[in-house]
Amino acid sequence: MSNFEIGAVVQLKSGGPLMTVHKQDDYSPTGPNPGLLCVWFDGAKRVEDVFDPRTLALYER
């Protein structure tokens, strides 16, 4: 599927919040195949969305 492992910290190549890869799956026909379900926090609110792995970069501290 992708080169990202569950639990990896990623960020959109265009920037944005740091996110954690929560699940890899086939989200077609409504999303990317393969897709990565990522989670992050906006203040205290938990947010999640599916991203095409080609749009993400591994975050390295």
N, C-alpha and C. Protein backbone atom coordinates (compact mmCIF):
# COMPACT_ATOMS: atom_id res chain seq x y z
N MET A 1 0.82 -1.19 0.00
CA MET A 1 0.00 0.00 0.00
C MET A 1 0.86 1.26 0.00
N SER A 2 1.39 1.65 1.15
CA SER A 2 2.22 2.86 1.21
C SER A 2 3.46 2.56 2.04
N ASN A 3 4.36 3.51 2.05
CA ASN A 3 5.59 3.36 2.81
C ASN A 3 5.45 3.85 4.25
N PHE A 4 4.26 4.28 4.64
CA PHE A 4 4.04 4.80 5.98
C PHE A 4 3.49 3.71 6.88
N GLU A 5 4.06 3.60 8.07
CA GLU A 5 3.59 2.62 9.05
C GLU A 5 2.52 3.25 9.94
N ILE A 6 1.68 2.42 10.51
CA ILE A 6 0.70 2.89 11.48
C ILE A 6 1.47 3.52 12.64
N GLY A 7 1.05 4.70 13.06
CA GLY A 7 1.73 5.41 14.14
C GLY A 7 2.76 6.41 13.66
N ALA A 8 3.07 6.40 12.36
CA ALA A 8 4.04 7.36 11.83
C ALA A 8 3.47 8.78 11.91
N VAL A 9 4.34 9.74 12.17
CA VAL A 9 3.94 11.14 12.20
C VAL A 9 4.23 11.72 10.82
N VAL A 10 3.21 12.30 10.21
CA VAL A 10 3.30 12.81 8.84
C VAL A 10 2.76 14.23 8.77
N GLN A 11 3.03 14.87 7.65
CA GLN A 11 2.52 16.21 7.39
C GLN A 11 2.28 16.32 5.90
N LEU A 12 1.27 17.07 5.50
CA LEU A 12 1.07 17.32 4.08
C LEU A 12 2.31 17.99 3.51
N LYS A 13 2.67 17.63 2.30
CA LYS A 13 3.83 18.24 1.66
C LYS A 13 3.68 19.75 1.54
N SER A 14 2.45 20.22 1.50
CA SER A 14 2.19 21.65 1.41
C SER A 14 2.16 22.34 2.77
N GLY A 15 2.35 21.57 3.85
CA GLY A 15 2.33 22.12 5.21
C GLY A 15 1.08 21.70 5.95
N GLY A 16 0.87 22.30 7.11
CA GLY A 16 -0.30 21.96 7.92
C GLY A 16 0.10 21.28 9.21
N PRO A 17 -0.88 20.76 9.94
CA PRO A 17 -0.59 20.17 11.24
C PRO A 17 0.13 18.83 11.12
N LEU A 18 0.83 18.45 12.17
CA LEU A 18 1.40 17.11 12.24
C LEU A 18 0.26 16.14 12.51
N MET A 19 0.29 15.01 11.83
CA MET A 19 -0.79 14.03 11.93
C MET A 19 -0.19 12.65 12.18
N THR A 20 -0.96 11.77 12.78
CA THR A 20 -0.55 10.39 13.02
C THR A 20 -1.33 9.47 12.10
N VAL A 21 -0.60 8.57 11.42
CA VAL A 21 -1.26 7.58 10.56
C VAL A 21 -1.97 6.58 11.46
N HIS A 22 -3.27 6.48 11.28
CA HIS A 22 -4.11 5.62 12.12
C HIS A 22 -4.48 4.31 11.41
N LYS A 23 -4.65 4.36 10.08
CA LYS A 23 -5.10 3.18 9.35
C LYS A 23 -4.77 3.35 7.87
N GLN A 24 -4.43 2.24 7.21
CA GLN A 24 -4.25 2.22 5.76
C GLN A 24 -5.34 1.34 5.18
N ASP A 25 -6.00 1.82 4.12
CA ASP A 25 -7.09 1.04 3.55
C ASP A 25 -7.40 1.54 2.15
N ASP A 26 -8.32 0.87 1.50
CA ASP A 26 -8.85 1.27 0.20
C ASP A 26 -10.12 2.08 0.47
N TYR A 27 -10.05 3.37 0.21
CA TYR A 27 -11.19 4.25 0.49
C TYR A 27 -11.99 4.60 -0.76
N SER A 28 -11.71 3.92 -1.88
CA SER A 28 -12.49 4.17 -3.10
C SER A 28 -13.90 3.61 -2.90
N PRO A 29 -14.92 4.12 -3.52
CA PRO A 29 -14.92 5.15 -4.55
C PRO A 29 -15.02 6.57 -4.01
N THR A 30 -15.07 6.76 -2.69
CA THR A 30 -15.22 8.12 -2.15
C THR A 30 -13.90 8.77 -1.78
N GLY A 31 -12.80 8.05 -1.85
CA GLY A 31 -11.51 8.60 -1.46
C GLY A 31 -10.38 7.88 -2.17
N PRO A 32 -9.16 8.16 -1.75
CA PRO A 32 -8.00 7.58 -2.44
C PRO A 32 -7.85 6.09 -2.20
N ASN A 33 -7.25 5.44 -3.17
CA ASN A 33 -6.90 4.02 -3.06
C ASN A 33 -5.44 3.88 -3.49
N PRO A 34 -4.50 3.59 -2.62
CA PRO A 34 -4.70 3.42 -1.17
C PRO A 34 -4.87 4.76 -0.49
N GLY A 35 -5.42 4.73 0.69
CA GLY A 35 -5.59 5.94 1.47
C GLY A 35 -5.09 5.74 2.89
N LEU A 36 -4.68 6.84 3.49
CA LEU A 36 -4.22 6.81 4.88
C LEU A 36 -5.18 7.63 5.72
N LEU A 37 -5.76 7.00 6.72
CA LEU A 37 -6.59 7.72 7.68
C LEU A 37 -5.64 8.32 8.70
N CYS A 38 -5.62 9.64 8.78
CA CYS A 38 -4.74 10.35 9.69
C CYS A 38 -5.56 11.09 10.73
N VAL A 39 -5.00 11.19 11.94
CA VAL A 39 -5.67 11.91 13.02
C VAL A 39 -4.73 12.99 13.56
N TRP A 40 -5.34 14.09 14.02
CA TRP A 40 -4.58 15.18 14.64
C TRP A 40 -5.53 15.94 15.55
N PHE A 41 -5.00 16.88 16.30
CA PHE A 41 -5.82 17.66 17.22
C PHE A 41 -5.82 19.12 16.80
N ASP A 42 -7.00 19.71 16.81
CA ASP A 42 -7.21 21.14 16.60
C ASP A 42 -7.63 21.68 17.96
N GLY A 43 -6.65 22.11 18.74
CA GLY A 43 -6.92 22.44 20.14
C GLY A 43 -7.22 21.15 20.87
N ALA A 44 -8.39 21.06 21.49
CA ALA A 44 -8.79 19.84 22.20
C ALA A 44 -9.65 18.93 21.33
N LYS A 45 -9.96 19.37 20.11
CA LYS A 45 -10.85 18.61 19.23
C LYS A 45 -10.04 17.63 18.37
N ARG A 46 -10.42 16.36 18.40
CA ARG A 46 -9.79 15.34 17.56
C ARG A 46 -10.38 15.42 16.16
N VAL A 47 -9.50 15.44 15.16
CA VAL A 47 -9.91 15.55 13.77
C VAL A 47 -9.30 14.38 13.01
N GLU A 48 -10.00 13.88 12.00
CA GLU A 48 -9.45 12.81 11.15
C GLU A 48 -9.90 13.03 9.72
N ASP A 49 -9.05 12.55 8.80
CA ASP A 49 -9.38 12.62 7.38
C ASP A 49 -8.51 11.61 6.66
N VAL A 50 -8.88 11.31 5.42
CA VAL A 50 -8.16 10.35 4.59
C VAL A 50 -7.34 11.12 3.56
N PHE A 51 -6.09 10.70 3.38
CA PHE A 51 -5.19 11.36 2.45
C PHE A 51 -4.54 10.35 1.52
N ASP A 52 -4.26 10.78 0.31
CA ASP A 52 -3.46 10.00 -0.62
C ASP A 52 -2.02 10.02 -0.10
N PRO A 53 -1.36 8.86 0.04
CA PRO A 53 -0.01 8.85 0.59
C PRO A 53 0.99 9.69 -0.21
N ARG A 54 0.72 9.92 -1.48
CA ARG A 54 1.64 10.73 -2.29
C ARG A 54 1.64 12.19 -1.90
N THR A 55 0.64 12.61 -1.10
CA THR A 55 0.56 14.01 -0.67
C THR A 55 1.21 14.24 0.68
N LEU A 56 1.74 13.18 1.31
CA LEU A 56 2.28 13.26 2.66
C LEU A 56 3.79 13.06 2.69
N ALA A 57 4.41 13.64 3.70
CA ALA A 57 5.84 13.45 3.95
C ALA A 57 6.01 13.00 5.39
N LEU A 58 6.96 12.12 5.62
CA LEU A 58 7.27 11.66 6.97
C LEU A 58 7.89 12.81 7.74
N TYR A 59 7.40 13.06 8.93
CA TYR A 59 7.94 14.14 9.77
C TYR A 59 9.14 13.59 10.52
N GLU A 60 10.25 14.28 10.39
CA GLU A 60 11.46 13.89 11.11
C GLU A 60 11.88 15.02 12.02
N ARG A 61 12.01 14.70 13.28
CA ARG A 61 12.35 15.73 14.28
C ARG A 61 13.77 16.18 14.16
